[in-house]
């Protein structure tokens, strides 16, 4: 009987700690949407800062900044990091060029 109670207790602790750690991971990676800016200089400044971070490791930085800026102005968001994470911004992820390849870096 004592062994059953101990196993149940350990299993409960493991379950609780794993759910808490996954909740922390999920909430920590969210991208911040653009502030309530419609367009103009304020949006351009916000996008410029986000795209500078996004494109800092790009091989063709000028091209990356150009397309990131276009996508940011239309979508009003930029994924975090220098690569990937496009799940954070669906509009940014789904934009395609005329050749049906991803438009946004």
PDB file of N, CA and C in Angstrom:
ATOM      1  N   UNK A   1       0.818  -1.191   0.000  1.00  0.00           N
ATOM      2  CA  UNK A   1       0.000   0.000   0.000  1.00  0.00           C
ATOM      3  C   UNK A   1       0.870   1.267   0.000  1.00  0.00           C
ATOM      4  N   UNK A   2       1.930   1.272   0.828  1.00  0.00           N
ATOM      5  CA  UNK A   2       2.811   2.432   0.901  1.00  0.00           C
ATOM      6  C   UNK A   2       3.516   2.671  -0.431  1.00  0.00           C
ATOM      7  N   UNK A   3       3.899   1.612  -1.107  1.00  0.00           N
ATOM      8  CA  UNK A   3       4.575   1.740  -2.400  1.00  0.00           C
ATOM      9  C   UNK A   3       3.631   2.367  -3.424  1.00  0.00           C
ATOM     10  N   UNK A   4       2.392   1.981  -3.434  1.00  0.00           N
ATOM     11  CA  UNK A   4       1.399   2.528  -4.364  1.00  0.00           C
ATOM     12  C   UNK A   4       1.205   4.029  -4.121  1.00  0.00           C
ATOM     13  N   UNK A   5       1.120   4.416  -2.868  1.00  0.00           N
ATOM     14  CA  UNK A   5       0.955   5.828  -2.523  1.00  0.00           C
ATOM     15  C   UNK A   5       2.195   6.624  -2.954  1.00  0.00           C
ATOM     16  N   UNK A   6       3.381   6.071  -2.718  1.00  0.00           N
ATOM     17  CA  UNK A   6       4.623   6.746  -3.112  1.00  0.00           C
ATOM     18  C   UNK A   6       4.703   6.906  -4.627  1.00  0.00           C
ATOM     19  N   UNK A   7       4.360   5.877  -5.361  1.00  0.00           N
ATOM     20  CA  UNK A   7       4.386   5.946  -6.829  1.00  0.00           C
ATOM     21  C   UNK A   7       3.387   6.991  -7.314  1.00  0.00           C
ATOM     22  N   UNK A   8       2.207   7.000  -6.743  1.00  0.00           N
ATOM     23  CA  UNK A   8       1.196   7.988  -7.116  1.00  0.00           C
ATOM     24  C   UNK A   8       1.680   9.410  -6.821  1.00  0.00           C
ATOM     25  N   UNK A   9       2.309   9.616  -5.679  1.00  0.00           N
ATOM     26  CA  UNK A   9       2.816  10.922  -5.287  1.00  0.00           C
ATOM     27  C   UNK A   9       3.913  11.398  -6.241  1.00  0.00           C
ATOM     28  N   UNK A  10       4.860  10.545  -6.578  1.00  0.00           N
ATOM     29  CA  UNK A  10       5.957  10.895  -7.486  1.00  0.00           C
ATOM     30  C   UNK A  10       5.408  11.204  -8.882  1.00  0.00           C
ATOM     31  N   UNK A  11       4.465  10.377  -9.338  1.00  0.00           N
ATOM     32  CA  UNK A  11       3.868  10.606 -10.655  1.00  0.00           C
ATOM     33  C   UNK A  11       3.138  11.948 -10.694  1.00  0.00           C
ATOM     34  N   UNK A  12       2.455  12.285  -9.616  1.00  0.00           N
ATOM     35  CA  UNK A  12       1.747  13.562  -9.545  1.00  0.00           C
ATOM     36  C   UNK A  12       2.723  14.735  -9.610  1.00  0.00           C
ATOM     37  N   UNK A  13       3.815  14.647  -8.875  1.00  0.00           N
ATOM     38  CA  UNK A  13       4.817  15.710  -8.899  1.00  0.00           C
ATOM     39  C   UNK A  13       5.424  15.883 -10.285  1.00  0.00           C
ATOM     40  N   UNK A  14       5.731  14.779 -10.929  1.00  0.00           N
ATOM     41  CA  UNK A  14       6.291  14.848 -12.282  1.00  0.00           C
ATOM     42  C   UNK A  14       5.307  15.493 -13.253  1.00  0.00           C
ATOM     43  N   UNK A  15       4.064  15.148 -13.156  1.00  0.00           N
ATOM     44  CA  UNK A  15       3.035  15.704 -14.017  1.00  0.00           C
ATOM     45  C   UNK A  15       2.883  17.207 -13.797  1.00  0.00           C
ATOM     46  N   UNK A  16       2.870  17.633 -12.569  1.00  0.00           N
ATOM     47  CA  UNK A  16       2.721  19.054 -12.252  1.00  0.00           C
ATOM     48  C   UNK A  16       3.926  19.851 -12.738  1.00  0.00           C
ATOM     49  N   UNK A  17       5.125  19.368 -12.477  1.00  0.00           N
ATOM     50  CA  UNK A  17       6.323  20.110 -12.886  1.00  0.00           C
ATOM     51  C   UNK A  17       6.458  20.171 -14.401  1.00  0.00           C
ATOM     52  N   UNK A  18       6.093  19.109 -15.104  1.00  0.00           N
ATOM     53  CA  UNK A  18       6.203  19.142 -16.558  1.00  0.00           C
ATOM     54  C   UNK A  18       5.189  20.108 -17.164  1.00  0.00           C
ATOM     55  N   UNK A  19       3.994  20.186 -16.596  1.00  0.00           N
ATOM     56  CA  UNK A  19       3.003  21.124 -17.127  1.00  0.00           C
ATOM     57  C   UNK A  19       3.404  22.564 -16.834  1.00  0.00           C
ATOM     58  N   UNK A  20       4.012  22.824 -15.694  1.00  0.00           N
ATOM     59  CA  UNK A  20       4.470  24.173 -15.375  1.00  0.00           C
ATOM     60  C   UNK A  20       5.622  24.596 -16.274  1.00  0.00           C
ATOM     61  N   UNK A  21       6.537  23.704 -16.544  1.00  0.00           N
ATOM     62  CA  UNK A  21       7.680  24.060 -17.382  1.00  0.00           C
ATOM     63  C   UNK A  21       7.254  24.288 -18.821  1.00  0.00           C
ATOM     64  N   UNK A  22       6.306  23.506 -19.334  1.00  0.00           N
ATOM     65  CA  UNK A  22       5.854  23.728 -20.714  1.00  0.00           C
ATOM     66  C   UNK A  22       5.073  25.025 -20.826  1.00  0.00           C
ATOM     67  N   UNK A  23       4.326  25.410 -19.808  1.00  0.00           N
ATOM     68  CA  UNK A  23       3.601  26.680 -19.830  1.00  0.00           C
ATOM     69  C   UNK A  23       4.585  27.847 -19.836  1.00  0.00           C
ATOM     70  N   UNK A  24       5.673  27.731 -19.110  1.00  0.00           N
ATOM     71  CA  UNK A  24       6.686  28.785 -19.079  1.00  0.00           C
ATOM     72  C   UNK A  24       7.349  28.926 -20.437  1.00  0.00           C
ATOM     73  N   UNK A  25       7.654  27.821 -21.078  1.00  0.00           N
ATOM     74  CA  UNK A  25       8.293  27.855 -22.389  1.00  0.00           C
ATOM     75  C   UNK A  25       7.364  28.481 -23.412  1.00  0.00           C
ATOM     76  N   UNK A  26       6.098  28.117 -23.407  1.00  0.00           N
ATOM     77  CA  UNK A  26       5.157  28.645 -24.380  1.00  0.00           C
ATOM     78  C   UNK A  26       4.938  30.141 -24.223  1.00  0.00           C
ATOM     79  N   UNK A  27       4.864  30.625 -23.016  1.00  0.00           N
ATOM     80  CA  UNK A  27       4.601  32.048 -22.819  1.00  0.00           C
ATOM     81  C   UNK A  27       5.837  32.898 -23.073  1.00  0.00           C
ATOM     82  N   UNK A  28       7.023  32.331 -22.980  1.00  0.00           N
ATOM     83  CA  UNK A  28       8.242  33.105 -23.143  1.00  0.00           C
ATOM     84  C   UNK A  28       8.594  33.428 -24.571  1.00  0.00           C
ATOM     85  N   UNK A  29       8.065  32.708 -25.574  1.00  0.00           N
ATOM     86  CA  UNK A  29       8.482  32.913 -26.942  1.00  0.00           C
ATOM     87  C   UNK A  29       7.520  33.724 -27.785  1.00  0.00           C
ATOM     88  N   UNK A  30       6.546  34.356 -27.182  1.00  0.00           N
ATOM     89  CA  UNK A  30       5.555  35.091 -27.959  1.00  0.00           C
ATOM     90  C   UNK A  30       6.153  36.369 -28.536  1.00  0.00           C
ATOM     91  N   UNK A  31       5.738  36.697 -29.740  1.00  0.00           N
ATOM     92  CA  UNK A  31       6.205  37.913 -30.392  1.00  0.00           C
ATOM     93  C   UNK A  31       5.266  39.057 -30.025  1.00  0.00           C
ATOM     94  N   UNK A  32       5.833  40.212 -29.837  1.00  0.00           N
ATOM     95  CA  UNK A  32       5.010  41.381 -29.512  1.00  0.00           C
ATOM     96  C   UNK A  32       4.487  41.992 -30.802  1.00  0.00           C
ATOM     97  N   UNK A  33       3.177  42.159 -30.926  1.00  0.00           N
ATOM     98  CA  UNK A  33       2.639  42.797 -32.126  1.00  0.00           C
ATOM     99  C   UNK A  33       2.989  44.279 -32.142  1.00  0.00           C
ATOM    100  N   UNK A  34       2.843  44.879 -33.299  1.00  0.00           N
ATOM    101  CA  UNK A  34       3.116  46.305 -33.418  1.00  0.00           C
ATOM    102  C   UNK A  34       2.171  47.081 -32.509  1.00  0.00           C
ATOM    103  N   UNK A  35       2.675  48.148 -31.939  1.00  0.00           N
ATOM    104  CA  UNK A  35       1.776  48.976 -31.139  1.00  0.00           C
ATOM    105  C   UNK A  35       0.633  49.488 -32.016  1.00  0.00           C
ATOM    106  N   UNK A  36      -0.364  50.057 -31.419  1.00  0.00           N
ATOM    107  CA  UNK A  36      -1.530  50.533 -32.161  1.00  0.00           C
ATOM    108  C   UNK A  36      -1.141  51.675 -33.100  1.00  0.00           C
ATOM    109  N   UNK A  37      -0.416  51.325 -34.153  1.00  0.00           N
ATOM    110  CA  UNK A  37       0.043  52.301 -35.136  1.00  0.00           C
ATOM    111  C   UNK A  37      -0.600  51.930 -36.465  1.00  0.00           C
ATOM    112  N   UNK A  38      -1.235  52.858 -37.099  1.00  0.00           N
ATOM    113  CA  UNK A  38      -1.863  52.577 -38.394  1.00  0.00           C
ATOM    114  C   UNK A  38      -0.816  52.562 -39.499  1.00  0.00           C
ATOM    115  N   UNK A  39      -0.098  53.620 -39.682  1.00  0.00           N
ATOM    116  CA  UNK A  39       1.044  53.692 -40.590  1.00  0.00           C
ATOM    117  C   UNK A  39       1.752  55.020 -40.399  1.00  0.00           C
ATOM    118  N   UNK A  40       2.712  55.273 -41.247  1.00  0.00           N
ATOM    119  CA  UNK A  40       3.456  56.520 -41.128  1.00  0.00           C
ATOM    120  C   UNK A  40       4.837  56.325 -40.548  1.00  0.00           C
ATOM    121  N   UNK A  41       5.400  57.419 -40.094  1.00  0.00           N
ATOM    122  CA  UNK A  41       6.780  57.426 -39.610  1.00  0.00           C
ATOM    123  C   UNK A  41       6.964  56.558 -38.375  1.00  0.00           C
ATOM    124  N   UNK A  42       5.958  56.532 -37.525  1.00  0.00           N
ATOM    125  CA  UNK A  42       6.063  55.738 -36.297  1.00  0.00           C
ATOM    126  C   UNK A  42       6.148  54.239 -36.609  1.00  0.00           C
ATOM    127  N   UNK A  43       5.313  53.768 -37.538  1.00  0.00           N
ATOM    128  CA  UNK A  43       5.346  52.362 -37.946  1.00  0.00           C
ATOM    129  C   UNK A  43       6.659  52.038 -38.648  1.00  0.00           C
ATOM    130  N   UNK A  44       7.125  52.970 -39.486  1.00  0.00           N
ATOM    131  CA  UNK A  44       8.379  52.765 -40.200  1.00  0.00           C
ATOM    132  C   UNK A  44       9.550  52.627 -39.221  1.00  0.00           C
ATOM    133  N   UNK A  45       9.550  53.452 -38.190  1.00  0.00           N
ATOM    134  CA  UNK A  45      10.602  53.390 -37.169  1.00  0.00           C
ATOM    135  C   UNK A  45      10.537  52.066 -36.412  1.00  0.00           C
ATOM    136  N   UNK A  46       9.326  51.641 -36.027  1.00  0.00           N
ATOM    137  CA  UNK A  46       9.141  50.383 -35.310  1.00  0.00           C
ATOM    138  C   UNK A  46       9.602  49.207 -36.170  1.00  0.00           C
ATOM    139  N   UNK A  47       9.183  49.200 -37.438  1.00  0.00           N
ATOM    140  CA  UNK A  47       9.574  48.120 -38.356  1.00  0.00           C
ATOM    141  C   UNK A  47      11.087  48.128 -38.594  1.00  0.00           C
ATOM    142  N   UNK A  48      11.661  49.314 -38.709  1.00  0.00           N
ATOM    143  CA  UNK A  48      13.101  49.416 -38.945  1.00  0.00           C
ATOM    144  C   UNK A  48      13.905  48.752 -37.842  1.00  0.00           C
ATOM    145  N   UNK A  49      13.502  48.973 -36.605  1.00  0.00           N
ATOM    146  CA  UNK A  49      14.200  48.355 -35.472  1.00  0.00           C
ATOM    147  C   UNK A  49      14.041  46.854 -35.451  1.00  0.00           C
ATOM    148  N   UNK A  50      12.821  46.378 -35.703  1.00  0.00           N
ATOM    149  CA  UNK A  50      12.566  44.930 -35.711  1.00  0.00           C
ATOM    150  C   UNK A  50      13.299  44.254 -36.862  1.00  0.00           C
ATOM    151  N   UNK A  51      13.297  44.889 -38.042  1.00  0.00           N
ATOM    152  CA  UNK A  51      13.958  44.296 -39.211  1.00  0.00           C
ATOM    153  C   UNK A  51      15.476  44.324 -39.063  1.00  0.00           C
ATOM    154  N   UNK A  52      16.002  45.327 -38.389  1.00  0.00           N
ATOM    155  CA  UNK A  52      17.447  45.390 -38.148  1.00  0.00           C
ATOM    156  C   UNK A  52      17.890  44.162 -37.347  1.00  0.00           C
ATOM    157  N   UNK A  53      17.108  43.789 -36.349  1.00  0.00           N
ATOM    158  CA  UNK A  53      17.408  42.600 -35.544  1.00  0.00           C
ATOM    159  C   UNK A  53      17.239  41.339 -36.394  1.00  0.00           C
ATOM    160  N   UNK A  54      16.139  41.282 -37.150  1.00  0.00           N
ATOM    161  CA  UNK A  54      15.834  40.100 -37.963  1.00  0.00           C
ATOM    162  C   UNK A  54      16.927  39.852 -39.000  1.00  0.00           C
ATOM    163  N   UNK A  55      17.471  40.903 -39.589  1.00  0.00           N
ATOM    164  CA  UNK A  55      18.408  40.775 -40.712  1.00  0.00           C
ATOM    165  C   UNK A  55      19.880  40.912 -40.320  1.00  0.00           C
ATOM    166  N   UNK A  56      20.193  40.951 -39.037  1.00  0.00           N
ATOM    167  CA  UNK A  56      21.574  41.218 -38.627  1.00  0.00           C
ATOM    168  C   UNK A  56      22.563  40.159 -39.101  1.00  0.00           C
ATOM    169  N   UNK A  57      22.126  38.926 -39.350  1.00  0.00           N
ATOM    170  CA  UNK A  57      23.047  37.881 -39.795  1.00  0.00           C
ATOM    171  C   UNK A  57      22.830  37.493 -41.254  1.00  0.00           C
ATOM    172  N   UNK A  58      22.024  38.253 -41.980  1.00  0.00           N
ATOM    173  CA  UNK A  58      21.715  37.914 -43.373  1.00  0.00           C
ATOM    174  C   UNK A  58      22.926  38.138 -44.268  1.00  0.00           C
ATOM    175  N   UNK A  59      23.072  37.282 -45.272  1.00  0.00           N
ATOM    176  CA  UNK A  59      24.161  37.429 -46.236  1.00  0.00           C
ATOM    177  C   UNK A  59      23.965  38.654 -47.114  1.00  0.00           C
ATOM    178  N   UNK A  60      22.724  38.914 -47.504  1.00  0.00           N
ATOM    179  CA  UNK A  60      22.378  40.089 -48.311  1.00  0.00           C
ATOM    180  C   UNK A  60      21.497  40.993 -47.453  1.00  0.00           C
ATOM    181  N   UNK A  61      22.132  41.724 -46.569  1.00  0.00           N
ATOM    182  CA  UNK A  61      21.413  42.497 -45.561  1.00  0.00           C
ATOM    183  C   UNK A  61      20.485  43.547 -46.178  1.00  0.00           C
ATOM    184  N   UNK A  62      20.937  44.225 -47.246  1.00  0.00           N
ATOM    185  CA  UNK A  62      20.093  45.261 -47.850  1.00  0.00           C
ATOM    186  C   UNK A  62      18.805  44.671 -48.421  1.00  0.00           C
ATOM    187  N   UNK A  63      18.893  43.512 -49.037  1.00  0.00           N
ATOM    188  CA  UNK A  63      17.707  42.850 -49.581  1.00  0.00           C
ATOM    189  C   UNK A  63      16.796  42.362 -48.439  1.00  0.00           C
ATOM    190  N   UNK A  64      17.400  41.816 -47.416  1.00  0.00           N
ATOM    191  CA  UNK A  64      16.637  41.346 -46.265  1.00  0.00           C
ATOM    192  C   UNK A  64      15.869  42.498 -45.626  1.00  0.00           C
ATOM    193  N   UNK A  65      16.540  43.638 -45.432  1.00  0.00           N
ATOM    194  CA  UNK A  65      15.894  44.796 -44.827  1.00  0.00           C
ATOM    195  C   UNK A  65      14.750  45.315 -45.698  1.00  0.00           C
ATOM    196  N   UNK A  66      14.943  45.301 -47.004  1.00  0.00           N
ATOM    197  CA  UNK A  66      13.910  45.780 -47.929  1.00  0.00           C
ATOM    198  C   UNK A  66      12.640  44.941 -47.794  1.00  0.00           C
ATOM    199  N   UNK A  67      12.785  43.620 -47.920  1.00  0.00           N
ATOM    200  CA  UNK A  67      11.608  42.754 -47.898  1.00  0.00           C
ATOM    201  C   UNK A  67      11.018  42.618 -46.498  1.00  0.00           C
ATOM    202  N   UNK A  68      11.850  42.647 -45.492  1.00  0.00           N
ATOM    203  CA  UNK A  68      11.343  42.624 -44.124  1.00  0.00           C
ATOM    204  C   UNK A  68      10.511  43.879 -43.869  1.00  0.00           C
ATOM    205  N   UNK A  69      10.984  45.021 -44.344  1.00  0.00           N
ATOM    206  CA  UNK A  69      10.253  46.278 -44.176  1.00  0.00           C
ATOM    207  C   UNK A  69       8.906  46.251 -44.877  1.00  0.00           C
ATOM    208  N   UNK A  70       8.878  45.712 -46.101  1.00  0.00           N
ATOM    209  CA  UNK A  70       7.621  45.600 -46.849  1.00  0.00           C
ATOM    210  C   UNK A  70       6.637  44.722 -46.079  1.00  0.00           C
ATOM    211  N   UNK A  71       7.113  43.569 -45.635  1.00  0.00           N
ATOM    212  CA  UNK A  71       6.250  42.623 -44.920  1.00  0.00           C
ATOM    213  C   UNK A  71       5.784  43.200 -43.590  1.00  0.00           C
ATOM    214  N   UNK A  72       6.666  43.881 -42.895  1.00  0.00           N
ATOM    215  CA  UNK A  72       6.311  44.452 -41.589  1.00  0.00           C
ATOM    216  C   UNK A  72       5.227  45.514 -41.737  1.00  0.00           C
ATOM    217  N   UNK A  73       5.352  46.359 -42.733  1.00  0.00           N
ATOM    218  CA  UNK A  73       4.355  47.421 -42.929  1.00  0.00           C
ATOM    219  C   UNK A  73       2.985  46.840 -43.261  1.00  0.00           C
ATOM    220  N   UNK A  74       2.962  45.734 -44.013  1.00  0.00           N
ATOM    221  CA  UNK A  74       1.686  45.116 -44.372  1.00  0.00           C
ATOM    222  C   UNK A  74       1.123  44.284 -43.218  1.00  0.00           C
ATOM    223  N   UNK A  75       1.986  43.558 -42.526  1.00  0.00           N
ATOM    224  CA  UNK A  75       1.536  42.628 -41.478  1.00  0.00           C
ATOM    225  C   UNK A  75       1.528  43.236 -40.080  1.00  0.00           C
ATOM    226  N   UNK A  76       2.308  44.293 -39.887  1.00  0.00           N
ATOM    227  CA  UNK A  76       2.462  44.942 -38.585  1.00  0.00           C
ATOM    228  C   UNK A  76       3.017  43.999 -37.512  1.00  0.00           C
ATOM    229  N   UNK A  77       3.897  43.088 -37.950  1.00  0.00           N
ATOM    230  CA  UNK A  77       4.624  42.224 -37.020  1.00  0.00           C
ATOM    231  C   UNK A  77       5.844  41.649 -37.718  1.00  0.00           C
ATOM    232  N   UNK A  78       6.841  41.287 -36.925  1.00  0.00           N
ATOM    233  CA  UNK A  78       8.064  40.647 -37.412  1.00  0.00           C
ATOM    234  C   UNK A  78       8.397  39.536 -36.428  1.00  0.00           C
ATOM    235  N   UNK A  79       8.656  38.312 -36.923  1.00  0.00           N
ATOM    236  CA  UNK A  79       9.008  37.224 -35.998  1.00  0.00           C
ATOM    237  C   UNK A  79      10.307  37.526 -35.251  1.00  0.00           C
ATOM    238  N   UNK A  80      10.432  36.966 -34.063  1.00  0.00           N
ATOM    239  CA  UNK A  80      11.634  37.178 -33.257  1.00  0.00           C
ATOM    240  C   UNK A  80      12.799  36.381 -33.829  1.00  0.00           C
ATOM    241  N   UNK A  81      13.984  36.776 -33.476  1.00  0.00           N
ATOM    242  CA  UNK A  81      15.187  36.057 -33.899  1.00  0.00           C
ATOM    243  C   UNK A  81      15.630  36.447 -35.294  1.00  0.00           C
ATOM    244  N   UNK A  82      16.709  35.807 -35.741  1.00  0.00           N
ATOM    245  CA  UNK A  82      17.266  36.122 -37.052  1.00  0.00           C
ATOM    246  C   UNK A  82      16.800  35.162 -38.137  1.00  0.00           C
ATOM    247  N   UNK A  83      16.159  34.068 -37.737  1.00  0.00           N
ATOM    248  CA  UNK A  83      15.705  33.082 -38.722  1.00  0.00           C
ATOM    249  C   UNK A  83      14.586  32.254 -38.110  1.00  0.00           C
ATOM    250  N   UNK A  84      13.656  31.820 -38.939  1.00  0.00           N
ATOM    251  CA  UNK A  84      12.567  30.963 -38.461  1.00  0.00           C
ATOM    252  C   UNK A  84      11.562  31.729 -37.626  1.00  0.00           C
ATOM    253  N   UNK A  85      10.888  31.032 -36.747  1.00  0.00           N
ATOM    254  CA  UNK A  85       9.873  31.592 -35.839  1.00  0.00           C
ATOM    255  C   UNK A  85       8.711  32.256 -36.569  1.00  0.00           C
ATOM    256  N   UNK A  86       8.496  31.903 -37.836  1.00  0.00           N
ATOM    257  CA  UNK A  86       7.432  32.539 -38.610  1.00  0.00           C
ATOM    258  C   UNK A  86       6.041  32.176 -38.098  1.00  0.00           C
ATOM    259  N   UNK A  87       5.954  31.153 -37.266  1.00  0.00           N
ATOM    260  CA  UNK A  87       4.663  30.801 -36.672  1.00  0.00           C
ATOM    261  C   UNK A  87       4.146  31.928 -35.776  1.00  0.00           C
ATOM    262  N   UNK A  88       5.023  32.816 -35.357  1.00  0.00           N
ATOM    263  CA  UNK A  88       4.627  33.928 -34.491  1.00  0.00           C
ATOM    264  C   UNK A  88       3.835  34.995 -35.237  1.00  0.00           C
ATOM    265  N   UNK A  89       3.949  35.013 -36.554  1.00  0.00           N
ATOM    266  CA  UNK A  89       3.291  36.048 -37.358  1.00  0.00           C
ATOM    267  C   UNK A  89       2.772  35.399 -38.640  1.00  0.00           C
ATOM    268  N   UNK A  90       1.511  35.003 -38.636  1.00  0.00           N
ATOM    269  CA  UNK A  90       0.939  34.241 -39.754  1.00  0.00           C
ATOM    270  C   UNK A  90       0.970  35.032 -41.060  1.00  0.00           C
ATOM    271  N   UNK A  91       0.651  36.299 -41.023  1.00  0.00           N
ATOM    272  CA  UNK A  91       0.657  37.123 -42.233  1.00  0.00           C
ATOM    273  C   UNK A  91       2.059  37.141 -42.845  1.00  0.00           C
ATOM    274  N   UNK A  92       3.056  37.343 -42.017  1.00  0.00           N
ATOM    275  CA  UNK A  92       4.456  37.370 -42.440  1.00  0.00           C
ATOM    276  C   UNK A  92       4.847  36.025 -43.050  1.00  0.00           C
ATOM    277  N   UNK A  93       4.395  34.952 -42.438  1.00  0.00           N
ATOM    278  CA  UNK A  93       4.701  33.595 -42.894  1.00  0.00           C
ATOM    279  C   UNK A  93       4.051  33.297 -44.242  1.00  0.00           C
ATOM    280  N   UNK A  94       2.831  33.763 -44.463  1.00  0.00           N
ATOM    281  CA  UNK A  94       2.045  33.369 -45.623  1.00  0.00           C
ATOM    282  C   UNK A  94       2.254  34.227 -46.861  1.00  0.00           C
ATOM    283  N   UNK A  95       2.980  35.331 -46.755  1.00  0.00           N
ATOM    284  CA  UNK A  95       3.218  36.186 -47.924  1.00  0.00           C
ATOM    285  C   UNK A  95       4.122  35.463 -48.913  1.00  0.00           C
ATOM    286  N   UNK A  96       3.722  35.476 -50.196  1.00  0.00           N
ATOM    287  CA  UNK A  96       4.493  34.811 -51.243  1.00  0.00           C
ATOM    288  C   UNK A  96       4.889  35.811 -52.332  1.00  0.00           C
ATOM    289  N   UNK A  97       6.033  35.551 -52.949  1.00  0.00           N
ATOM    290  CA  UNK A  97       6.470  36.370 -54.077  1.00  0.00           C
ATOM    291  C   UNK A  97       5.687  35.937 -55.329  1.00  0.00           C
ATOM    292  N   UNK A  98       5.934  36.602 -56.433  1.00  0.00           N
ATOM    293  CA  UNK A  98       5.272  36.215 -57.689  1.00  0.00           C
ATOM    294  C   UNK A  98       5.688  34.829 -58.143  1.00  0.00           C
ATOM    295  N   UNK A  99       6.824  34.356 -57.663  1.00  0.00           N
ATOM    296  CA  UNK A  99       7.303  32.998 -58.004  1.00  0.00           C
ATOM    297  C   UNK A  99       6.821  31.952 -57.012  1.00  0.00           C
ATOM    298  N   UNK A 100       5.898  32.336 -56.130  1.00  0.00           N
ATOM    299  CA  UNK A 100       5.305  31.438 -55.132  1.00  0.00           C
ATOM    300  C   UNK A 100       6.322  30.938 -54.105  1.00  0.00           C
ATOM    301  N   UNK A 101       7.348  31.742 -53.846  1.00  0.00           N
ATOM    302  CA  UNK A 101       8.307  31.431 -52.786  1.00  0.00           C
ATOM    303  C   UNK A 101       8.062  32.410 -51.638  1.00  0.00           C
ATOM    304  N   UNK A 102       8.502  32.089 -50.422  1.00  0.00           N
ATOM    305  CA  UNK A 102       8.268  33.010 -49.302  1.00  0.00           C
ATOM    306  C   UNK A 102       8.865  34.383 -49.579  1.00  0.00           C
ATOM    307  N   UNK A 103       8.066  35.416 -49.371  1.00  0.00           N
ATOM    308  CA  UNK A 103       8.509  36.779 -49.625  1.00  0.00           C
ATOM    309  C   UNK A 103       9.275  37.367 -48.453  1.00  0.00           C
ATOM    310  N   UNK A 104       8.860  37.029 -47.264  1.00  0.00           N
ATOM    311  CA  UNK A 104       9.421  37.670 -46.073  1.00  0.00           C
ATOM    312  C   UNK A 104      10.577  36.848 -45.495  1.00  0.00           C
ATOM    313  N   UNK A 105      11.673  37.552 -45.167  1.00  0.00           N
ATOM    314  CA  UNK A 105      12.840  36.840 -44.624  1.00  0.00           C
ATOM    315  C   UNK A 105      12.644  36.387 -43.188  1.00  0.00           C
TER     316      UNK A 105
END
